[in-house]
Amino acid sequence: MNRTWIAALALAVALGCTDGAGPLNSNVQVSFATRDPAAPTASGQARAPRAPGVVTASDTLTDGTNTLIITRAEIVLEKIKFEPVEVADCDVDPEPAGCEDIELGPVLVDLPLGPGAAQQFEVDLPAAAYNEIQFVIHKVTSDAVDAAFRAAHPDFPVGQSIRVQGTFNGAAFVYQTELNVEQELDLTPPLVVTDTTTGTNVTVRVGLAGWFRASGGSLINPASGNKGQPNESLVNENIKRSIEAFEDRDADGDESDEG
């Protein structure tokens, strides 16, 4: 089946990443968040929102016995695409506009820590309703196709897709994974882009707080999730289950206040 995809990063690559402070020239911005604003803290109170675009220096998690402090979390993504609700028939000649299968990347996302959302890209999408975002969590290769990425990020390890740094009960750790997997995220309700849309925001929320937890909810040492370690499969599965996306017009990481 021939499927129509609209590349989400077409203008992101041309315009480059943004810190959210500059002018927005495209009709859709893409932000990332790692906290659910509705999730209670240890005191039972909902977390206070953070201003859009602000990234805290660390994120502290505790289960009452263990303390995990995350100081940096990076993830490599490629082939980020938005799927329209109604897919055009591309099996005709000449092929209609919008049938091009454009896949760009990889890109490195420095995940924001703490509450709120931080803008990473801004993109132009043709007028349509979009009900899904797809991307690949990408293991960086030594092949020529990843040469530009390696040149731009020489400190990111080849053969890995995610790197998390911090301390667990006071001891420093580095977690890395070669996870290479496609993610399909539903947009409910769909993202509607019209000819007059001048700027809206889609937030991809990555539930970082759940990555390094056992099935009962207790924290584990992230280093035990590295390749060949006992919790490798557990953490990989936690990561795959942790990601969702939604329209977030005020870019605060909270879908409940969209109205």
C-alpha atoms as a PDB file:
ATOM      1  CA  MET A   1       0.000   0.000   0.000  1.00  0.00           C
ATOM      2  CA  ASN A   2       1.354   3.386  -0.979  1.00  0.00           C
ATOM      3  CA  ARG A   3       1.137   5.729   2.023  1.00  0.00           C
ATOM      4  CA  THR A   4       1.449   9.503   1.949  1.00  0.00           C
ATOM      5  CA  TRP A   5       3.750  11.059   4.500  1.00  0.00           C
ATOM      6  CA  ILE A   6       4.508  14.715   5.170  1.00  0.00           C
ATOM      7  CA  ALA A   7       8.010  15.264   6.528  1.00  0.00           C
ATOM      8  CA  ALA A   8       7.912  17.077   9.849  1.00  0.00           C
ATOM      9  CA  LEU A   9      11.520  18.205   9.678  1.00  0.00           C
ATOM     10  CA  ALA A  10      11.640  19.667   6.181  1.00  0.00           C
ATOM     11  CA  LEU A  11      11.975  23.245   7.392  1.00  0.00           C
ATOM     12  CA  ALA A  12      13.474  22.288  10.737  1.00  0.00           C
ATOM     13  CA  VAL A  13      16.639  21.255   8.947  1.00  0.00           C
ATOM     14  CA  ALA A  14      16.662  24.430   6.863  1.00  0.00           C
ATOM     15  CA  LEU A  15      15.957  26.753   9.798  1.00  0.00           C
ATOM     16  CA  GLY A  16      17.881  24.826  12.418  1.00  0.00           C
ATOM     17  CA  CYS A  17      16.898  24.185  16.026  1.00  0.00           C
ATOM     18  CA  THR A  18      15.500  27.004  18.116  1.00  0.00           C
ATOM     19  CA  ASP A  19      15.490  27.749  21.823  1.00  0.00           C
ATOM     20  CA  GLY A  20      11.945  29.080  21.702  1.00  0.00           C
ATOM     21  CA  ALA A  21      13.021  32.697  22.180  1.00  0.00           C
ATOM     22  CA  GLY A  22      13.199  33.831  18.555  1.00  0.00           C
ATOM     23  CA  PRO A  23      10.479  34.618  16.013  1.00  0.00           C
ATOM     24  CA  LEU A  24       8.411  31.675  14.753  1.00  0.00           C
ATOM     25  CA  ASN A  25       8.131  31.603  10.973  1.00  0.00           C
ATOM     26  CA  SER A  26       6.524  28.206  10.367  1.00  0.00           C
ATOM     27  CA  ASN A  27       2.964  27.088  11.017  1.00  0.00           C
ATOM     28  CA  VAL A  28       3.746  24.260  13.478  1.00  0.00           C
ATOM     29  CA  GLN A  29       6.301  24.129  16.259  1.00  0.00           C
ATOM     30  CA  VAL A  30       7.469  20.837  17.792  1.00  0.00           C
ATOM     31  CA  SER A  31       8.328  20.784  21.495  1.00  0.00           C
ATOM     32  CA  PHE A  32       9.439  18.082  23.902  1.00  0.00           C
ATOM     33  CA  ALA A  33       8.527  17.519  27.542  1.00  0.00           C
ATOM     34  CA  THR A  34       9.410  14.869  30.109  1.00  0.00           C
ATOM     35  CA  ARG A  35       6.856  15.478  32.868  1.00  0.00           C
ATOM     36  CA  ASP A  36       3.098  14.940  33.050  1.00  0.00           C
ATOM     37  CA  PRO A  37       1.737  18.074  34.786  1.00  0.00           C
ATOM     38  CA  ALA A  38      -1.181  16.064  36.173  1.00  0.00           C
ATOM     39  CA  ALA A  39       1.068  13.521  37.887  1.00  0.00           C
ATOM     40  CA  PRO A  40       1.280  14.095  41.669  1.00  0.00           C
ATOM     41  CA  THR A  41       4.544  14.736  43.486  1.00  0.00           C
ATOM     42  CA  ALA A  42       5.578  12.838  46.592  1.00  0.00           C
ATOM     43  CA  SER A  43       3.512  15.320  48.607  1.00  0.00           C
ATOM     44  CA  GLY A  44       0.399  14.528  46.554  1.00  0.00           C
ATOM     45  CA  GLN A  45       0.274  17.940  44.873  1.00  0.00           C
ATOM     46  CA  ALA A  46       0.284  18.443  41.102  1.00  0.00           C
ATOM     47  CA  ARG A  47       3.545  19.780  39.725  1.00  0.00           C
ATOM     48  CA  ALA A  48       3.633  23.485  38.963  1.00  0.00           C
ATOM     49  CA  PRO A  49       4.057  24.334  35.261  1.00  0.00           C
ATOM     50  CA  ARG A  50       7.228  25.902  33.929  1.00  0.00           C
ATOM     51  CA  ALA A  51       7.428  28.663  31.376  1.00  0.00           C
ATOM     52  CA  PRO A  52       7.765  27.327  27.794  1.00  0.00           C
ATOM     53  CA  GLY A  53      11.320  26.932  26.545  1.00  0.00           C
ATOM     54  CA  VAL A  54      12.956  26.853  29.991  1.00  0.00           C
ATOM     55  CA  VAL A  55      15.143  23.821  30.718  1.00  0.00           C
ATOM     56  CA  THR A  56      16.106  23.019  34.293  1.00  0.00           C
ATOM     57  CA  ALA A  57      19.577  21.764  35.168  1.00  0.00           C
ATOM     58  CA  SER A  58      18.493  18.415  36.636  1.00  0.00           C
ATOM     59  CA  ASP A  59      15.551  16.213  37.548  1.00  0.00           C
ATOM     60  CA  THR A  60      15.409  14.458  40.922  1.00  0.00           C
ATOM     61  CA  LEU A  61      13.343  11.298  41.428  1.00  0.00           C
ATOM     62  CA  THR A  62      12.913   9.274  44.615  1.00  0.00           C
ATOM     63  CA  ASP A  63      10.991   6.187  45.720  1.00  0.00           C
ATOM     64  CA  GLY A  64      11.557   6.770  49.424  1.00  0.00           C
ATOM     65  CA  THR A  65      14.687   4.640  49.485  1.00  0.00           C
ATOM     66  CA  ASN A  66      16.637   5.468  46.321  1.00  0.00           C
ATOM     67  CA  THR A  67      17.391   8.855  44.785  1.00  0.00           C
ATOM     68  CA  LEU A  68      17.967   9.277  41.066  1.00  0.00           C
ATOM     69  CA  ILE A  69      19.226  12.632  39.781  1.00  0.00           C
ATOM     70  CA  ILE A  70      19.223  13.021  35.994  1.00  0.00           C
ATOM     71  CA  THR A  71      21.452  15.833  34.760  1.00  0.00           C
ATOM     72  CA  ARG A  72      21.157  15.193  31.009  1.00  0.00           C
ATOM     73  CA  ALA A  73      19.036  13.034  28.730  1.00  0.00           C
ATOM     74  CA  GLU A  74      19.621  12.876  24.972  1.00  0.00           C
ATOM     75  CA  ILE A  75      17.751  10.934  22.306  1.00  0.00           C
ATOM     76  CA  VAL A  76      18.443  10.615  18.579  1.00  0.00           C
ATOM     77  CA  LEU A  77      15.434  10.660  16.248  1.00  0.00           C
ATOM     78  CA  GLU A  78      15.069  10.329  12.510  1.00  0.00           C
ATOM     79  CA  LYS A  79      12.279  10.028   9.920  1.00  0.00           C
ATOM     80  CA  ILE A  80       9.953  12.294  11.892  1.00  0.00           C
ATOM     81  CA  LYS A  81       6.753  12.462   9.871  1.00  0.00           C
ATOM     82  CA  PHE A  82       3.136  13.591  10.252  1.00  0.00           C
ATOM     83  CA  GLU A  83       0.408  11.425   8.724  1.00  0.00           C
ATOM     84  CA  PRO A  84      -2.787  13.092   7.406  1.00  0.00           C
ATOM     85  CA  VAL A  85      -6.154  11.630   8.349  1.00  0.00           C
ATOM     86  CA  GLU A  86      -7.090  11.088   4.703  1.00  0.00           C
ATOM     87  CA  VAL A  87      -4.277   9.709   2.614  1.00  0.00           C
ATOM     88  CA  ALA A  88      -4.342  10.768  -1.031  1.00  0.00           C
ATOM     89  CA  ASP A  89      -4.222   8.198  -3.813  1.00  0.00           C
ATOM     90  CA  CYS A  90      -0.638   8.303  -4.956  1.00  0.00           C
ATOM     91  CA  ASP A  91      -0.993   5.491  -7.484  1.00  0.00           C
ATOM     92  CA  VAL A  92      -1.718   7.849 -10.344  1.00  0.00           C
ATOM     93  CA  ASP A  93       0.380   9.563 -12.972  1.00  0.00           C
ATOM     94  CA  PRO A  94       1.414  12.306 -12.508  1.00  0.00           C
ATOM     95  CA  GLU A  95       1.807  11.760  -8.785  1.00  0.00           C
ATOM     96  CA  PRO A  96      -0.179  14.341  -6.764  1.00  0.00           C
ATOM     97  CA  ALA A  97       1.566  16.924  -4.620  1.00  0.00           C
ATOM     98  CA  GLY A  98       2.217  15.677  -1.106  1.00  0.00           C
ATOM     99  CA  CYS A  99       2.986  12.097  -2.113  1.00  0.00           C
ATOM    100  CA  GLU A 100       6.725  12.497  -1.774  1.00  0.00           C
ATOM    101  CA  ASP A 101       8.235  10.161   0.834  1.00  0.00           C
ATOM    102  CA  ILE A 102      10.738  12.545   2.460  1.00  0.00           C
ATOM    103  CA  GLU A 103      12.671  11.251   5.454  1.00  0.00           C
ATOM    104  CA  LEU A 104      15.123  13.585   7.137  1.00  0.00           C
ATOM    105  CA  GLY A 105      17.428  13.294  10.111  1.00  0.00           C
ATOM    106  CA  PRO A 106      18.848  12.048  12.324  1.00  0.00           C
ATOM    107  CA  VAL A 107      18.599  14.849  14.889  1.00  0.00           C
ATOM    108  CA  LEU A 108      19.690  14.999  18.518  1.00  0.00           C
ATOM    109  CA  VAL A 109      17.041  16.072  21.035  1.00  0.00           C
ATOM    110  CA  ASP A 110      18.321  17.313  24.395  1.00  0.00           C
ATOM    111  CA  LEU A 111      15.292  16.462  26.514  1.00  0.00           C
ATOM    112  CA  PRO A 112      14.122  19.152  28.947  1.00  0.00           C
ATOM    113  CA  LEU A 113      14.302  18.153  32.612  1.00  0.00           C
ATOM    114  CA  GLY A 114      11.582  18.960  35.108  1.00  0.00           C
ATOM    115  CA  PRO A 115       8.107  20.282  34.229  1.00  0.00           C
ATOM    116  CA  GLY A 116       7.119  22.232  31.118  1.00  0.00           C
ATOM    117  CA  ALA A 117       8.112  21.919  27.471  1.00  0.00           C
ATOM    118  CA  ALA A 118      10.988  23.167  25.325  1.00  0.00           C
ATOM    119  CA  GLN A 119      10.669  23.875  21.626  1.00  0.00           C
ATOM    120  CA  GLN A 120      13.048  21.936  19.377  1.00  0.00           C
ATOM    121  CA  PHE A 121      11.833  22.461  15.788  1.00  0.00           C
ATOM    122  CA  GLU A 122       9.474  24.590  13.724  1.00  0.00           C
ATOM    123  CA  VAL A 123       7.986  23.175  10.532  1.00  0.00           C
ATOM    124  CA  ASP A 124       5.582  23.985   7.695  1.00  0.00           C
ATOM    125  CA  LEU A 125       2.806  21.461   7.085  1.00  0.00           C
ATOM    126  CA  PRO A 126       0.297  21.679   4.206  1.00  0.00           C
ATOM    127  CA  ALA A 127      -3.339  22.301   5.163  1.00  0.00           C
ATOM    128  CA  ALA A 128      -4.783  18.997   6.415  1.00  0.00           C
ATOM    129  CA  ALA A 129      -5.812  17.146   9.564  1.00  0.00           C
ATOM    130  CA  TYR A 130      -3.011  14.979  10.981  1.00  0.00           C
ATOM    131  CA  ASN A 131      -3.750  12.070  13.294  1.00  0.00           C
ATOM    132  CA  GLU A 132      -0.325  10.518  13.824  1.00  0.00           C
ATOM    133  CA  ILE A 133       3.347  11.324  14.258  1.00  0.00           C
ATOM    134  CA  GLN A 134       5.896   8.679  13.375  1.00  0.00           C
ATOM    135  CA  PHE A 135       9.624   8.624  14.034  1.00  0.00           C
ATOM    136  CA  VAL A 136      12.475   6.223  14.630  1.00  0.00           C
ATOM    137  CA  ILE A 137      14.576   6.180  17.789  1.00  0.00           C
ATOM    138  CA  HIS A 138      17.802   5.921  15.844  1.00  0.00           C
ATOM    139  CA  LYS A 139      21.066   4.167  16.655  1.00  0.00           C
ATOM    140  CA  VAL A 140      23.873   6.309  15.251  1.00  0.00           C
ATOM    141  CA  THR A 141      25.926   4.381  12.722  1.00  0.00           C
ATOM    142  CA  SER A 142      29.432   4.748  11.337  1.00  0.00           C
ATOM    143  CA  ASP A 143      27.981   4.779   7.808  1.00  0.00           C
ATOM    144  CA  ALA A 144      28.208   7.746   5.467  1.00  0.00           C
ATOM    145  CA  VAL A 145      24.486   8.451   5.896  1.00  0.00           C
ATOM    146  CA  ASP A 146      25.169   9.580   9.506  1.00  0.00           C
ATOM    147  CA  ALA A 147      28.365  11.502   8.709  1.00  0.00           C
ATOM    148  CA  ALA A 148      26.750  14.939   9.079  1.00  0.00           C
ATOM    149  CA  PHE A 149      25.241  13.976  12.428  1.00  0.00           C
ATOM    150  CA  ARG A 150      28.578  12.683  13.742  1.00  0.00           C
ATOM    151  CA  ALA A 151      30.312  15.874  12.639  1.00  0.00           C
ATOM    152  CA  ALA A 152      27.698  18.020  14.374  1.00  0.00           C
ATOM    153  CA  HIS A 153      27.729  15.914  17.568  1.00  0.00           C
ATOM    154  CA  PRO A 154      31.215  14.381  17.858  1.00  0.00           C
ATOM    155  CA  ASP A 155      30.759  13.564  21.560  1.00  0.00           C
ATOM    156  CA  PHE A 156      27.674  11.424  21.035  1.00  0.00           C
ATOM    157  CA  PRO A 157      28.696   7.750  20.925  1.00  0.00           C
ATOM    158  CA  VAL A 158      28.407   5.812  17.671  1.00  0.00           C
ATOM    159  CA  GLY A 159      26.236   2.723  18.062  1.00  0.00           C
ATOM    160  CA  GLN A 160      23.895   4.371  20.601  1.00  0.00           C
ATOM    161  CA  SER A 161      20.512   6.091  20.321  1.00  0.00           C
ATOM    162  CA  ILE A 162      19.988   7.402  23.862  1.00  0.00           C
ATOM    163  CA  ARG A 163      22.335   8.674  26.542  1.00  0.00           C
ATOM    164  CA  VAL A 164      21.347   9.634  30.102  1.00  0.00           C
ATOM    165  CA  GLN A 165      23.745  10.983  32.719  1.00  0.00           C
ATOM    166  CA  GLY A 166      23.379  11.695  36.424  1.00  0.00           C
ATOM    167  CA  THR A 167      23.762  10.068  39.826  1.00  0.00           C
ATOM    168  CA  PHE A 168      22.028   7.148  41.544  1.00  0.00           C
ATOM    169  CA  ASN A 169      22.261   7.249  45.346  1.00  0.00           C
ATOM    170  CA  GLY A 170      25.192   9.621  44.944  1.00  0.00           C
ATOM    171  CA  ALA A 171      27.200   7.516  42.471  1.00  0.00           C
ATOM    172  CA  ALA A 172      27.665   8.831  38.927  1.00  0.00           C
ATOM    173  CA  PHE A 173      26.246   6.793  36.050  1.00  0.00           C
ATOM    174  CA  VAL A 174      25.994   6.902  32.271  1.00  0.00           C
ATOM    175  CA  TYR A 175      23.135   4.988  30.679  1.00  0.00           C
ATOM    176  CA  GLN A 176      23.328   4.207  26.954  1.00  0.00           C
ATOM    177  CA  THR A 177      21.242   2.049  24.652  1.00  0.00           C
ATOM    178  CA  GLU A 178      21.407   0.929  21.043  1.00  0.00           C
ATOM    179  CA  LEU A 179      17.595   0.745  20.885  1.00  0.00           C
ATOM    180  CA  ASN A 180      16.533   1.268  17.262  1.00  0.00           C
ATOM    181  CA  VAL A 181      12.763   1.210  16.999  1.00  0.00           C
ATOM    182  CA  GLU A 182       9.895   2.919  15.179  1.00  0.00           C
ATOM    183  CA  GLN A 183       7.322   4.837  17.227  1.00  0.00           C
ATOM    184  CA  GLU A 184       3.814   5.746  16.045  1.00  0.00           C
ATOM    185  CA  LEU A 185       2.059   8.325  18.210  1.00  0.00           C
ATOM    186  CA  ASP A 186      -1.649   9.094  17.819  1.00  0.00           C
ATOM    187  CA  LEU A 187      -2.796  12.708  17.804  1.00  0.00           C
ATOM    188  CA  THR A 188      -6.211  12.746  19.511  1.00  0.00           C
ATOM    189  CA  PRO A 189      -7.909  14.961  18.554  1.00  0.00           C
ATOM    190  CA  PRO A 190      -6.125  15.357  15.217  1.00  0.00           C
ATOM    191  CA  LEU A 191      -3.890  18.355  14.577  1.00  0.00           C
ATOM    192  CA  VAL A 192      -5.772  20.590  12.139  1.00  0.00           C
ATOM    193  CA  VAL A 193      -3.656  22.842   9.921  1.00  0.00           C
ATOM    194  CA  THR A 194      -5.439  25.332   7.667  1.00  0.00           C
ATOM    195  CA  ASP A 195      -4.248  27.836   5.086  1.00  0.00           C
ATOM    196  CA  THR A 196      -4.533  30.534   7.770  1.00  0.00           C
ATOM    197  CA  THR A 197      -2.680  28.670  10.533  1.00  0.00           C
ATOM    198  CA  THR A 198       0.172  30.927  11.586  1.00  0.00           C
ATOM    199  CA  GLY A 199       1.528  28.969  14.506  1.00  0.00           C
ATOM    200  CA  THR A 200       0.575  26.112  16.769  1.00  0.00           C
ATOM    201  CA  ASN A 201       2.586  23.630  18.775  1.00  0.00           C
ATOM    202  CA  VAL A 202       2.778  19.855  19.057  1.00  0.00           C
ATOM    203  CA  THR A 203       4.439  18.463  22.167  1.00  0.00           C
ATOM    204  CA  VAL A 204       6.098  15.046  22.266  1.00  0.00           C
ATOM    205  CA  ARG A 205       6.121  13.937  25.884  1.00  0.00           C
ATOM    206  CA  VAL A 206       8.757  11.432  26.936  1.00  0.00           C
ATOM    207  CA  GLY A 207       8.003   9.935  30.360  1.00  0.00           C
ATOM    208  CA  LEU A 208      11.564  10.017  31.628  1.00  0.00           C
ATOM    209  CA  ALA A 209      10.448   9.409  35.224  1.00  0.00           C
ATOM    210  CA  GLY A 210       9.333   5.889  34.290  1.00  0.00           C
ATOM    211  CA  TRP A 211      12.402   4.753  32.394  1.00  0.00           C
ATOM    212  CA  PHE A 212      14.406   3.457  35.339  1.00  0.00           C
ATOM    213  CA  ARG A 213      11.728   1.738  37.417  1.00  0.00           C
ATOM    214  CA  ALA A 214      11.003  -1.903  38.183  1.00  0.00           C
ATOM    215  CA  SER A 215       7.510  -3.292  37.601  1.00  0.00           C
ATOM    216  CA  GLY A 216       6.541  -2.399  41.176  1.00  0.00           C
ATOM    217  CA  GLY A 217       7.575   1.235  40.736  1.00  0.00           C
ATOM    218  CA  SER A 218      10.861   1.221  42.663  1.00  0.00           C
ATOM    219  CA  LEU A 219      13.827   2.997  41.095  1.00  0.00           C
ATOM    220  CA  ILE A 220      16.704   0.978  39.659  1.00  0.00           C
ATOM    221  CA  ASN A 221      20.262   1.985  38.928  1.00  0.00           C
ATOM    222  CA  PRO A 222      20.231   3.201  35.295  1.00  0.00           C
ATOM    223  CA  ALA A 223      23.632   1.562  34.752  1.00  0.00           C
ATOM    224  CA  SER A 224      21.893  -1.808  35.242  1.00  0.00           C
ATOM    225  CA  GLY A 225      20.005  -1.084  31.993  1.00  0.00           C
ATOM    226  CA  ASN A 226      23.134  -0.867  29.861  1.00  0.00           C
ATOM    227  CA  LYS A 227      23.874  -3.482  27.196  1.00  0.00           C
ATOM    228  CA  GLY A 228      24.395  -6.912  28.718  1.00  0.00           C
ATOM    229  CA  GLN A 229      23.185  -5.831  32.166  1.00  0.00           C
ATOM    230  CA  PRO A 230      20.218  -7.449  33.955  1.00  0.00           C
ATOM    231  CA  ASN A 231      17.736  -4.611  33.367  1.00  0.00           C
ATOM    232  CA  GLU A 232      18.536  -3.939  29.697  1.00  0.00           C
ATOM    233  CA  SER A 233      15.220  -5.311  28.370  1.00  0.00           C
ATOM    234  CA  LEU A 234      13.189  -3.736  31.186  1.00  0.00           C
ATOM    235  CA  VAL A 235      14.482  -0.218  30.487  1.00  0.00           C
ATOM    236  CA  ASN A 236      14.127  -0.595  26.714  1.00  0.00           C
ATOM    237  CA  GLU A 237      10.476  -1.601  27.144  1.00  0.00           C
ATOM    238  CA  ASN A 238       9.881   1.278  29.580  1.00  0.00           C
ATOM    239  CA  ILE A 239      11.272   3.717  27.005  1.00  0.00           C
ATOM    240  CA  LYS A 240       9.085   2.407  24.182  1.00  0.00           C
ATOM    241  CA  ARG A 241       5.947   2.746  26.342  1.00  0.00           C
ATOM    242  CA  SER A 242       6.795   6.212  27.633  1.00  0.00           C
ATOM    243  CA  ILE A 243       6.218   8.433  24.582  1.00  0.00           C
ATOM    244  CA  GLU A 244       3.038  10.265  23.515  1.00  0.00           C
ATOM    245  CA  ALA A 245       2.155  13.370  21.493  1.00  0.00           C
ATOM    246  CA  PHE A 246      -0.590  15.991  21.509  1.00  0.00           C
ATOM    247  CA  GLU A 247      -1.407  19.485  20.258  1.00  0.00           C
ATOM    248  CA  ASP A 248      -0.201  21.955  22.870  1.00  0.00           C
ATOM    249  CA  ARG A 249      -0.957  25.439  21.569  1.00  0.00           C
ATOM    250  CA  ASP A 250       0.574  27.295  24.520  1.00  0.00           C
ATOM    251  CA  ALA A 251       3.621  24.977  24.557  1.00  0.00           C
ATOM    252  CA  ASP A 252       3.510  24.328  28.294  1.00  0.00           C
ATOM    253  CA  GLY A 253       3.548  20.524  28.161  1.00  0.00           C
ATOM    254  CA  ASP A 254      -0.046  20.227  29.446  1.00  0.00           C
ATOM    255  CA  GLU A 255      -2.760  18.976  27.084  1.00  0.00           C
ATOM    256  CA  SER A 256      -5.519  19.375  29.685  1.00  0.00           C
ATOM    257  CA  ASP A 257      -5.660  23.179  29.332  1.00  0.00           C
ATOM    258  CA  GLU A 258      -6.155  23.309  25.551  1.00  0.00           C
ATOM    259  CA  GLY A 259      -9.936  23.780  25.751  1.00  0.00           C
END
